[in-house]
Amino acid sequence: MENQSHQQPATPEEIWAILREVSKSQKKADQRLKELAGLFTSQWGALMESLVEGDLVPLLQARGITVRYTHTRMHGRRNDEHYEFDILAGNGEEIVVVEVKTTLRAEDVAHFLGRLGKFTEYEPVYKGKKVYGAVAYLKADASVQVHAQRQGLYVIRATGSSASIINSEDFRPRVFG
């Protein structure tokens, strides 16, 4: 004796209901993955900034810039523009604004230069002060390092447990403020 089940085919309405439910589940899964990726990215960024900030004071002091304070993740909004700077190191008269990247690319340098050019607009308290720029990274092509130096930026290579400024000893940074 054969056991046959007679099941009716799903109606178009039932198929659409199933597809909507699958789509809703997929959107929830995608959102959870985005949240995890965002958490990883922000934590990785904070780690990179911490590596650079830990060595920044002695590096800059070796270049003749006395550092009395550092700030990380300075951000705000001015003139309907959101801005963020990874690290600030200064002494009241001189400020070094540092952009930190895992992999530094030419477009990162260009974008940072644009924001750095508006730094005293974003933070008017620094008007009249000497504002220098620096890019810090774990990995970069030599051509990007040279490009950043030619733009007057300090170039800082994070090398695992420490960081170093790769500009020559006679390098004179550009004043952006």
N, C-alpha and C. Protein backbone atom coordinates (compact mmCIF):
# COMPACT_ATOMS: atom_id res chain seq x y z
N MET A 1 0.83 -1.16 0.00
CA MET A 1 0.00 0.00 0.00
C MET A 1 0.88 1.24 0.00
N GLU A 2 0.61 2.12 -0.86
CA GLU A 2 1.40 3.32 -1.05
C GLU A 2 0.78 4.46 -0.26
N ASN A 3 1.66 5.20 0.45
CA ASN A 3 1.20 6.33 1.23
C ASN A 3 1.44 7.59 0.40
N GLN A 4 0.40 8.11 -0.13
CA GLN A 4 0.53 9.32 -0.92
C GLN A 4 -0.14 10.48 -0.21
N SER A 5 0.57 11.56 -0.21
CA SER A 5 0.04 12.77 0.41
C SER A 5 -0.45 13.66 -0.70
N HIS A 6 -1.64 14.13 -0.54
CA HIS A 6 -2.19 15.04 -1.54
C HIS A 6 -2.16 16.44 -0.96
N GLN A 7 -1.12 17.16 -1.32
CA GLN A 7 -0.96 18.53 -0.83
C GLN A 7 -1.26 19.47 -1.97
N GLN A 8 -2.02 20.48 -1.65
CA GLN A 8 -2.38 21.47 -2.65
C GLN A 8 -1.17 22.36 -2.92
N PRO A 9 -0.93 22.77 -4.15
CA PRO A 9 0.16 23.72 -4.43
C PRO A 9 -0.14 25.05 -3.74
N ALA A 10 0.94 25.74 -3.38
CA ALA A 10 0.79 27.03 -2.70
C ALA A 10 0.16 28.03 -3.66
N THR A 11 -0.65 28.86 -3.09
CA THR A 11 -1.28 29.91 -3.89
C THR A 11 -0.28 31.04 -4.10
N PRO A 12 -0.50 31.88 -5.09
CA PRO A 12 0.39 33.03 -5.28
C PRO A 12 0.48 33.91 -4.03
N GLU A 13 -0.63 34.07 -3.33
CA GLU A 13 -0.62 34.90 -2.11
C GLU A 13 0.28 34.28 -1.05
N GLU A 14 0.23 32.94 -0.90
CA GLU A 14 1.08 32.26 0.08
C GLU A 14 2.56 32.36 -0.30
N ILE A 15 2.85 32.27 -1.57
CA ILE A 15 4.23 32.39 -2.04
C ILE A 15 4.76 33.80 -1.74
N TRP A 16 3.94 34.81 -2.03
CA TRP A 16 4.36 36.19 -1.75
C TRP A 16 4.56 36.41 -0.26
N ALA A 17 3.73 35.84 0.57
CA ALA A 17 3.86 35.96 2.03
C ALA A 17 5.19 35.32 2.48
N ILE A 18 5.52 34.16 1.93
CA ILE A 18 6.78 33.49 2.27
C ILE A 18 7.97 34.34 1.83
N LEU A 19 7.90 34.88 0.61
CA LEU A 19 8.99 35.72 0.11
C LEU A 19 9.17 36.98 0.97
N ARG A 20 8.06 37.59 1.39
CA ARG A 20 8.17 38.77 2.27
C ARG A 20 8.84 38.40 3.58
N GLU A 21 8.49 37.26 4.14
CA GLU A 21 9.08 36.82 5.40
C GLU A 21 10.58 36.54 5.24
N VAL A 22 10.96 35.90 4.14
CA VAL A 22 12.38 35.63 3.87
C VAL A 22 13.13 36.94 3.70
N SER A 23 12.52 37.87 2.98
CA SER A 23 13.15 39.17 2.76
C SER A 23 13.35 39.91 4.09
N LYS A 24 12.34 39.88 4.96
CA LYS A 24 12.44 40.54 6.26
C LYS A 24 13.56 39.90 7.10
N SER A 25 13.63 38.57 7.08
CA SER A 25 14.70 37.87 7.81
C SER A 25 16.07 38.23 7.26
N GLN A 26 16.19 38.32 5.95
CA GLN A 26 17.47 38.66 5.32
C GLN A 26 17.89 40.07 5.69
N LYS A 27 16.95 41.01 5.73
CA LYS A 27 17.27 42.39 6.11
C LYS A 27 17.77 42.45 7.55
N LYS A 28 17.16 41.68 8.45
CA LYS A 28 17.60 41.65 9.84
C LYS A 28 19.02 41.08 9.94
N ALA A 29 19.29 40.02 9.20
CA ALA A 29 20.63 39.42 9.20
C ALA A 29 21.66 40.39 8.64
N ASP A 30 21.31 41.08 7.54
CA ASP A 30 22.22 42.07 6.95
C ASP A 30 22.52 43.19 7.95
N GLN A 31 21.50 43.65 8.68
CA GLN A 31 21.70 44.72 9.66
C GLN A 31 22.64 44.26 10.77
N ARG A 32 22.47 43.03 11.24
CA ARG A 32 23.36 42.51 12.30
C ARG A 32 24.80 42.43 11.80
N LEU A 33 24.99 42.00 10.55
CA LEU A 33 26.34 41.95 9.99
C LEU A 33 26.95 43.34 9.87
N LYS A 34 26.15 44.34 9.45
CA LYS A 34 26.65 45.72 9.36
C LYS A 34 27.05 46.24 10.73
N GLU A 35 26.25 45.93 11.75
CA GLU A 35 26.58 46.38 13.10
C GLU A 35 27.89 45.76 13.57
N LEU A 36 28.09 44.45 13.31
CA LEU A 36 29.35 43.78 13.68
C LEU A 36 30.52 44.37 12.93
N ALA A 37 30.33 44.63 11.62
CA ALA A 37 31.42 45.22 10.82
C ALA A 37 31.74 46.62 11.32
N GLY A 38 30.73 47.40 11.65
CA GLY A 38 30.95 48.74 12.18
C GLY A 38 31.69 48.71 13.51
N LEU A 39 31.32 47.75 14.36
CA LEU A 39 31.99 47.61 15.65
C LEU A 39 33.46 47.25 15.43
N PHE A 40 33.72 46.31 14.52
CA PHE A 40 35.11 45.93 14.25
C PHE A 40 35.90 47.11 13.69
N THR A 41 35.33 47.81 12.73
CA THR A 41 36.02 48.96 12.11
C THR A 41 36.33 50.03 13.14
N SER A 42 35.35 50.38 13.98
CA SER A 42 35.60 51.44 14.96
C SER A 42 36.61 50.99 16.00
N GLN A 43 36.57 49.71 16.40
CA GLN A 43 37.54 49.21 17.37
C GLN A 43 38.94 49.16 16.76
N TRP A 44 39.04 48.76 15.50
CA TRP A 44 40.33 48.73 14.82
C TRP A 44 40.89 50.15 14.70
N GLY A 45 40.03 51.09 14.34
CA GLY A 45 40.44 52.48 14.23
C GLY A 45 40.93 53.02 15.57
N ALA A 46 40.21 52.69 16.64
CA ALA A 46 40.62 53.13 17.98
C ALA A 46 41.97 52.52 18.35
N LEU A 47 42.19 51.26 17.99
CA LEU A 47 43.48 50.62 18.26
C LEU A 47 44.59 51.33 17.51
N MET A 48 44.39 51.61 16.22
CA MET A 48 45.41 52.31 15.42
C MET A 48 45.71 53.69 16.02
N GLU A 49 44.67 54.42 16.39
CA GLU A 49 44.86 55.74 16.98
C GLU A 49 45.64 55.64 18.29
N SER A 50 45.32 54.63 19.08
CA SER A 50 46.02 54.43 20.35
C SER A 50 47.50 54.12 20.13
N LEU A 51 47.80 53.29 19.12
CA LEU A 51 49.20 52.99 18.81
C LEU A 51 49.97 54.25 18.44
N VAL A 52 49.36 55.08 17.63
CA VAL A 52 50.03 56.31 17.18
C VAL A 52 50.13 57.31 18.33
N GLU A 53 49.03 57.52 19.06
CA GLU A 53 49.03 58.51 20.13
C GLU A 53 50.07 58.17 21.20
N GLY A 54 50.28 56.89 21.48
CA GLY A 54 51.24 56.50 22.50
C GLY A 54 52.66 56.96 22.21
N ASP A 55 53.02 57.06 20.94
CA ASP A 55 54.36 57.49 20.57
C ASP A 55 54.43 58.92 20.06
N LEU A 56 53.29 59.56 19.91
CA LEU A 56 53.24 60.88 19.26
C LEU A 56 53.99 61.96 20.03
N VAL A 57 53.83 62.01 21.34
CA VAL A 57 54.46 63.08 22.13
C VAL A 57 55.98 63.05 21.97
N PRO A 58 56.66 61.93 22.22
CA PRO A 58 58.12 61.95 22.04
C PRO A 58 58.55 62.18 20.59
N LEU A 59 57.77 61.69 19.64
CA LEU A 59 58.12 61.90 18.23
C LEU A 59 58.10 63.39 17.88
N LEU A 60 57.04 64.07 18.29
CA LEU A 60 56.94 65.49 17.98
C LEU A 60 57.94 66.32 18.78
N GLN A 61 58.16 65.93 20.02
CA GLN A 61 59.14 66.66 20.83
C GLN A 61 60.53 66.52 20.24
N ALA A 62 60.83 65.36 19.65
CA ALA A 62 62.12 65.18 18.98
C ALA A 62 62.25 66.09 17.77
N ARG A 63 61.11 66.55 17.23
CA ARG A 63 61.09 67.48 16.08
C ARG A 63 60.92 68.93 16.53
N GLY A 64 61.04 69.17 17.83
CA GLY A 64 61.01 70.55 18.33
C GLY A 64 59.63 71.08 18.67
N ILE A 65 58.62 70.23 18.70
CA ILE A 65 57.27 70.66 19.06
C ILE A 65 56.96 70.14 20.46
N THR A 66 56.88 71.05 21.40
CA THR A 66 56.53 70.67 22.76
C THR A 66 55.04 70.33 22.79
N VAL A 67 54.71 69.16 23.33
CA VAL A 67 53.31 68.73 23.39
C VAL A 67 52.87 68.74 24.85
N ARG A 68 51.84 69.52 25.13
CA ARG A 68 51.29 69.60 26.48
C ARG A 68 49.98 68.83 26.61
N TYR A 69 49.33 68.55 25.48
CA TYR A 69 48.06 67.82 25.53
C TYR A 69 47.85 67.07 24.22
N THR A 70 47.04 66.02 24.30
CA THR A 70 46.56 65.33 23.11
C THR A 70 45.06 65.08 23.29
N HIS A 71 44.36 65.08 22.18
CA HIS A 71 42.93 64.76 22.16
C HIS A 71 42.71 63.77 21.02
N THR A 72 41.85 62.80 21.25
CA THR A 72 41.51 61.87 20.18
C THR A 72 40.05 62.05 19.80
N ARG A 73 39.77 61.71 18.54
CA ARG A 73 38.41 61.74 18.00
C ARG A 73 37.69 63.06 18.24
N MET A 74 38.33 64.14 17.87
CA MET A 74 37.69 65.45 17.96
C MET A 74 36.68 65.56 16.82
N HIS A 75 35.45 65.80 17.16
CA HIS A 75 34.45 65.93 16.09
C HIS A 75 33.40 66.96 16.48
N GLY A 76 32.71 67.41 15.47
CA GLY A 76 31.67 68.41 15.70
C GLY A 76 30.96 68.75 14.41
N ARG A 77 30.22 69.83 14.47
CA ARG A 77 29.46 70.28 13.30
C ARG A 77 29.55 71.80 13.27
N ARG A 78 29.88 72.35 12.12
CA ARG A 78 29.95 73.79 11.94
C ARG A 78 29.54 74.08 10.51
N ASN A 79 28.70 75.12 10.34
CA ASN A 79 28.22 75.52 9.00
C ASN A 79 27.62 74.33 8.25
N ASP A 80 26.83 73.54 8.95
CA ASP A 80 26.17 72.36 8.39
C ASP A 80 27.13 71.30 7.86
N GLU A 81 28.37 71.34 8.32
CA GLU A 81 29.35 70.33 7.93
C GLU A 81 29.78 69.56 9.16
N HIS A 82 29.76 68.23 9.06
CA HIS A 82 30.29 67.39 10.13
C HIS A 82 31.79 67.24 9.90
N TYR A 83 32.57 67.29 10.96
CA TYR A 83 34.00 67.09 10.83
C TYR A 83 34.49 66.18 11.95
N GLU A 84 35.59 65.50 11.67
CA GLU A 84 36.24 64.66 12.67
C GLU A 84 37.73 64.65 12.39
N PHE A 85 38.51 64.77 13.46
CA PHE A 85 39.95 64.67 13.38
C PHE A 85 40.38 63.60 14.38
N ASP A 86 41.27 62.71 13.94
CA ASP A 86 41.62 61.55 14.76
C ASP A 86 42.40 61.93 16.02
N ILE A 87 43.48 62.69 15.87
CA ILE A 87 44.31 63.07 17.02
C ILE A 87 44.75 64.52 16.87
N LEU A 88 44.72 65.26 17.98
CA LEU A 88 45.30 66.60 18.06
C LEU A 88 46.36 66.56 19.15
N ALA A 89 47.50 67.14 18.87
CA ALA A 89 48.57 67.25 19.85
C ALA A 89 49.05 68.69 19.81
N GLY A 90 49.15 69.34 20.97
CA GLY A 90 49.53 70.73 20.93
C GLY A 90 50.06 71.28 22.23
N ASN A 91 50.34 72.59 22.17
CA ASN A 91 50.89 73.28 23.34
C ASN A 91 50.28 74.67 23.53
N GLY A 92 49.24 74.97 22.80
CA GLY A 92 48.63 76.28 22.91
C GLY A 92 49.00 77.21 21.77
N GLU A 93 50.20 77.07 21.23
CA GLU A 93 50.65 77.89 20.10
C GLU A 93 50.82 77.07 18.83
N GLU A 94 51.17 75.80 18.99
CA GLU A 94 51.34 74.90 17.85
C GLU A 94 50.42 73.70 18.06
N ILE A 95 49.76 73.27 16.99
CA ILE A 95 48.85 72.14 17.04
C ILE A 95 49.18 71.24 15.86
N VAL A 96 49.31 69.96 16.12
CA VAL A 96 49.50 68.98 15.05
C VAL A 96 48.21 68.16 14.97
N VAL A 97 47.59 68.19 13.80
CA VAL A 97 46.36 67.44 13.55
C VAL A 97 46.77 66.19 12.79
N VAL A 98 46.40 65.03 13.33
CA VAL A 98 46.85 63.75 12.78
C VAL A 98 45.67 62.95 12.24
N GLU A 99 45.81 62.50 11.00
CA GLU A 99 44.86 61.58 10.36
C GLU A 99 45.47 60.19 10.42
N VAL A 100 44.74 59.21 10.96
CA VAL A 100 45.26 57.85 11.13
C VAL A 100 44.53 56.92 10.18
N LYS A 101 45.29 56.15 9.42
CA LYS A 101 44.73 55.16 8.49
C LYS A 101 45.49 53.85 8.63
N THR A 102 44.79 52.76 8.44
CA THR A 102 45.48 51.47 8.39
C THR A 102 46.31 51.43 7.12
N THR A 103 45.67 51.69 5.98
CA THR A 103 46.35 51.77 4.69
C THR A 103 46.14 53.18 4.17
N LEU A 104 47.23 53.91 4.01
CA LEU A 104 47.15 55.29 3.53
C LEU A 104 47.19 55.31 2.01
N ARG A 105 46.21 55.99 1.42
CA ARG A 105 46.12 56.12 -0.03
C ARG A 105 46.18 57.60 -0.41
N ALA A 106 46.48 57.87 -1.66
CA ALA A 106 46.57 59.26 -2.13
C ALA A 106 45.26 60.01 -1.90
N GLU A 107 44.13 59.35 -2.10
CA GLU A 107 42.84 60.02 -1.90
C GLU A 107 42.61 60.35 -0.42
N ASP A 108 43.19 59.55 0.49
CA ASP A 108 43.11 59.87 1.92
C ASP A 108 43.86 61.16 2.22
N VAL A 109 45.03 61.31 1.61
CA VAL A 109 45.84 62.52 1.80
C VAL A 109 45.07 63.73 1.27
N ALA A 110 44.49 63.60 0.09
CA ALA A 110 43.74 64.72 -0.50
C ALA A 110 42.54 65.10 0.37
N HIS A 111 41.81 64.12 0.83
CA HIS A 111 40.63 64.38 1.67
C HIS A 111 41.05 65.04 2.98
N PHE A 112 42.11 64.55 3.58
CA PHE A 112 42.59 65.14 4.83
C PHE A 112 43.05 66.58 4.62
N LEU A 113 43.76 66.84 3.53
CA LEU A 113 44.21 68.21 3.25
C LEU A 113 43.02 69.16 3.13
N GLY A 114 41.95 68.71 2.51
CA GLY A 114 40.74 69.52 2.39
C GLY A 114 40.15 69.86 3.76
N ARG A 115 40.07 68.86 4.63
CA ARG A 115 39.54 69.11 5.97
C ARG A 115 40.50 69.94 6.80
N LEU A 116 41.80 69.68 6.65
CA LEU A 116 42.81 70.43 7.39
C LEU A 116 42.80 71.91 7.01
N GLY A 117 42.55 72.18 5.74
CA GLY A 117 42.45 73.57 5.28
C GLY A 117 41.31 74.33 5.94
N LYS A 118 40.32 73.62 6.45
CA LYS A 118 39.17 74.24 7.12
C LYS A 118 39.25 74.10 8.64
N PHE A 119 40.36 73.59 9.14
CA PHE A 119 40.47 73.28 10.57
C PHE A 119 40.12 74.47 11.46
N THR A 120 40.68 75.65 11.16
CA THR A 120 40.41 76.80 12.03
C THR A 120 39.00 77.36 11.83
N GLU A 121 38.35 77.01 10.72
CA GLU A 121 36.92 77.33 10.58
C GLU A 121 36.10 76.44 11.50
N TYR A 122 36.46 75.15 11.51
CA TYR A 122 35.75 74.19 12.37
C TYR A 122 36.02 74.48 13.85
N GLU A 123 37.25 74.83 14.16
CA GLU A 123 37.67 75.06 15.54
C GLU A 123 38.31 76.44 15.65
N PRO A 124 37.51 77.50 15.71
CA PRO A 124 38.02 78.87 15.71
C PRO A 124 38.98 79.19 16.86
N VAL A 125 38.94 78.42 17.93
CA VAL A 125 39.83 78.65 19.05
C VAL A 125 41.31 78.54 18.63
N TYR A 126 41.56 77.87 17.50
CA TYR A 126 42.93 77.68 17.02
C TYR A 126 43.35 78.72 15.97
N LYS A 127 42.48 79.69 15.68
CA LYS A 127 42.87 80.75 14.72
C LYS A 127 44.08 81.49 15.26
N GLY A 128 45.02 81.80 14.37
CA GLY A 128 46.22 82.51 14.77
C GLY A 128 47.31 81.61 15.34
N LYS A 129 47.03 80.33 15.47
CA LYS A 129 48.02 79.36 15.96
C LYS A 129 48.67 78.68 14.77
N LYS A 130 49.82 78.08 14.99
CA LYS A 130 50.47 77.29 13.95
C LYS A 130 49.85 75.90 13.94
N VAL A 131 49.19 75.57 12.84
CA VAL A 131 48.54 74.28 12.70
C VAL A 131 49.31 73.46 11.68
N TYR A 132 49.82 72.33 12.12
CA TYR A 132 50.53 71.42 11.23
C TYR A 132 49.67 70.18 11.02
N GLY A 133 49.96 69.46 9.96
CA GLY A 133 49.23 68.23 9.68
C GLY A 133 50.17 67.04 9.67
N ALA A 134 49.60 65.88 9.96
CA ALA A 134 50.36 64.63 9.92
C ALA A 134 49.43 63.51 9.48
N VAL A 135 49.99 62.57 8.75
CA VAL A 135 49.26 61.34 8.43
C VAL A 135 50.02 60.19 9.06
N ALA A 136 49.29 59.29 9.68
CA ALA A 136 49.89 58.12 10.31
C ALA A 136 49.24 56.88 9.71
N TYR A 137 50.02 55.83 9.54
CA TYR A 137 49.51 54.67 8.85
C TYR A 137 50.30 53.42 9.24
N LEU A 138 49.73 52.29 8.92
CA LEU A 138 50.41 51.01 9.09
C LEU A 138 51.06 50.60 7.77
N LYS A 139 50.36 50.91 6.66
CA LYS A 139 50.85 50.50 5.34
C LYS A 139 50.57 51.61 4.33
N ALA A 140 51.56 51.88 3.46
CA ALA A 140 51.37 52.87 2.39
C ALA A 140 52.41 52.64 1.32
N ASP A 141 52.08 52.95 0.09
CA ASP A 141 53.05 52.92 -0.99
C ASP A 141 54.03 54.07 -0.80
N ALA A 142 55.25 53.88 -1.26
CA ALA A 142 56.28 54.92 -1.15
C ALA A 142 55.83 56.20 -1.85
N SER A 143 55.11 56.07 -2.97
CA SER A 143 54.67 57.26 -3.70
C SER A 143 53.70 58.09 -2.87
N VAL A 144 52.87 57.44 -2.05
CA VAL A 144 51.92 58.16 -1.20
C VAL A 144 52.67 58.86 -0.07
N GLN A 145 53.69 58.22 0.46
CA GLN A 145 54.51 58.84 1.51
C GLN A 145 55.18 60.11 0.97
N VAL A 146 55.74 60.01 -0.21
CA VAL A 146 56.41 61.16 -0.83
C VAL A 146 55.39 62.27 -1.10
N HIS A 147 54.23 61.89 -1.61
CA HIS A 147 53.17 62.87 -1.89
C HIS A 147 52.78 63.61 -0.62
N ALA A 148 52.57 62.89 0.47
CA ALA A 148 52.18 63.52 1.73
C ALA A 148 53.26 64.49 2.22
N GLN A 149 54.52 64.09 2.11
CA GLN A 149 55.62 64.97 2.52
C GLN A 149 55.65 66.23 1.66
N ARG A 150 55.45 66.06 0.38
CA ARG A 150 55.47 67.22 -0.52
C ARG A 150 54.33 68.19 -0.22
N GLN A 151 53.28 67.69 0.38
CA GLN A 151 52.15 68.54 0.77
C GLN A 151 52.40 69.22 2.12
N GLY A 152 53.58 68.95 2.71
CA GLY A 152 53.94 69.59 3.97
C GLY A 152 53.45 68.87 5.20
N LEU A 153 53.10 67.60 5.06
CA LEU A 153 52.60 66.83 6.20
C LEU A 153 53.72 66.01 6.84
N TYR A 154 53.67 65.89 8.15
CA TYR A 154 54.49 64.89 8.81
C TYR A 154 53.95 63.53 8.40
N VAL A 155 54.83 62.57 8.20
CA VAL A 155 54.42 61.23 7.80
C VAL A 155 54.89 60.28 8.89
N ILE A 156 53.94 59.62 9.54
CA ILE A 156 54.23 58.77 10.69
C ILE A 156 53.86 57.34 10.35
N ARG A 157 54.83 56.46 10.46
CA ARG A 157 54.58 55.04 10.19
C ARG A 157 54.45 54.31 11.51
N ALA A 158 53.29 53.69 11.72
CA ALA A 158 53.08 52.86 12.90
C ALA A 158 53.68 51.49 12.59
N THR A 159 54.59 51.06 13.42
CA THR A 159 55.32 49.81 13.12
C THR A 159 55.09 48.77 14.21
N GLY A 160 53.85 48.44 14.45
CA GLY A 160 53.55 47.41 15.45
C GLY A 160 53.50 47.98 16.85
N SER A 161 54.62 47.90 17.57
CA SER A 161 54.62 48.34 18.96
C SER A 161 55.06 49.79 19.10
N SER A 162 55.40 50.44 17.99
CA SER A 162 55.83 51.83 18.07
C SER A 162 55.52 52.54 16.77
N ALA A 163 55.84 53.81 16.73
CA ALA A 163 55.64 54.61 15.53
C ALA A 163 56.88 55.46 15.32
N SER A 164 57.09 55.90 14.08
CA SER A 164 58.23 56.77 13.80
C SER A 164 57.86 57.75 12.70
N ILE A 165 58.44 58.95 12.79
CA ILE A 165 58.26 59.94 11.73
C ILE A 165 59.29 59.63 10.67
N ILE A 166 58.86 59.49 9.43
CA ILE A 166 59.80 59.10 8.38
C ILE A 166 60.36 60.29 7.62
N ASN A 167 59.84 61.51 7.88
CA ASN A 167 60.39 62.69 7.21
C ASN A 167 61.86 62.85 7.61
N SER A 168 62.66 63.44 6.73
CA SER A 168 64.06 63.69 7.05
C SER A 168 64.16 64.68 8.20
N GLU A 169 65.28 64.69 8.87
CA GLU A 169 65.49 65.57 10.01
C GLU A 169 65.34 67.06 9.65
N ASP A 170 65.66 67.41 8.41
CA ASP A 170 65.58 68.82 8.02
C ASP A 170 64.21 69.20 7.43
N PHE A 171 63.24 68.31 7.49
CA PHE A 171 61.90 68.57 6.98
C PHE A 171 61.27 69.73 7.75
N ARG A 172 60.65 70.65 7.02
CA ARG A 172 59.92 71.77 7.60
C ARG A 172 58.46 71.61 7.20
N PRO A 173 57.58 71.41 8.18
CA PRO A 173 56.17 71.20 7.85
C PRO A 173 55.49 72.47 7.38
N ARG A 174 54.47 72.31 6.60
CA ARG A 174 53.65 73.42 6.14
C ARG A 174 52.75 73.87 7.29
N VAL A 175 52.52 75.14 7.41
CA VAL A 175 51.62 75.69 8.43
C VAL A 175 50.25 75.84 7.76
N PHE A 176 49.23 75.21 8.33
CA PHE A 176 47.90 75.23 7.75
C PHE A 176 46.97 76.23 8.41
N GLY A 177 47.38 76.79 9.54
CA GLY A 177 46.48 77.70 10.26
C GLY A 177 47.01 79.11 10.27
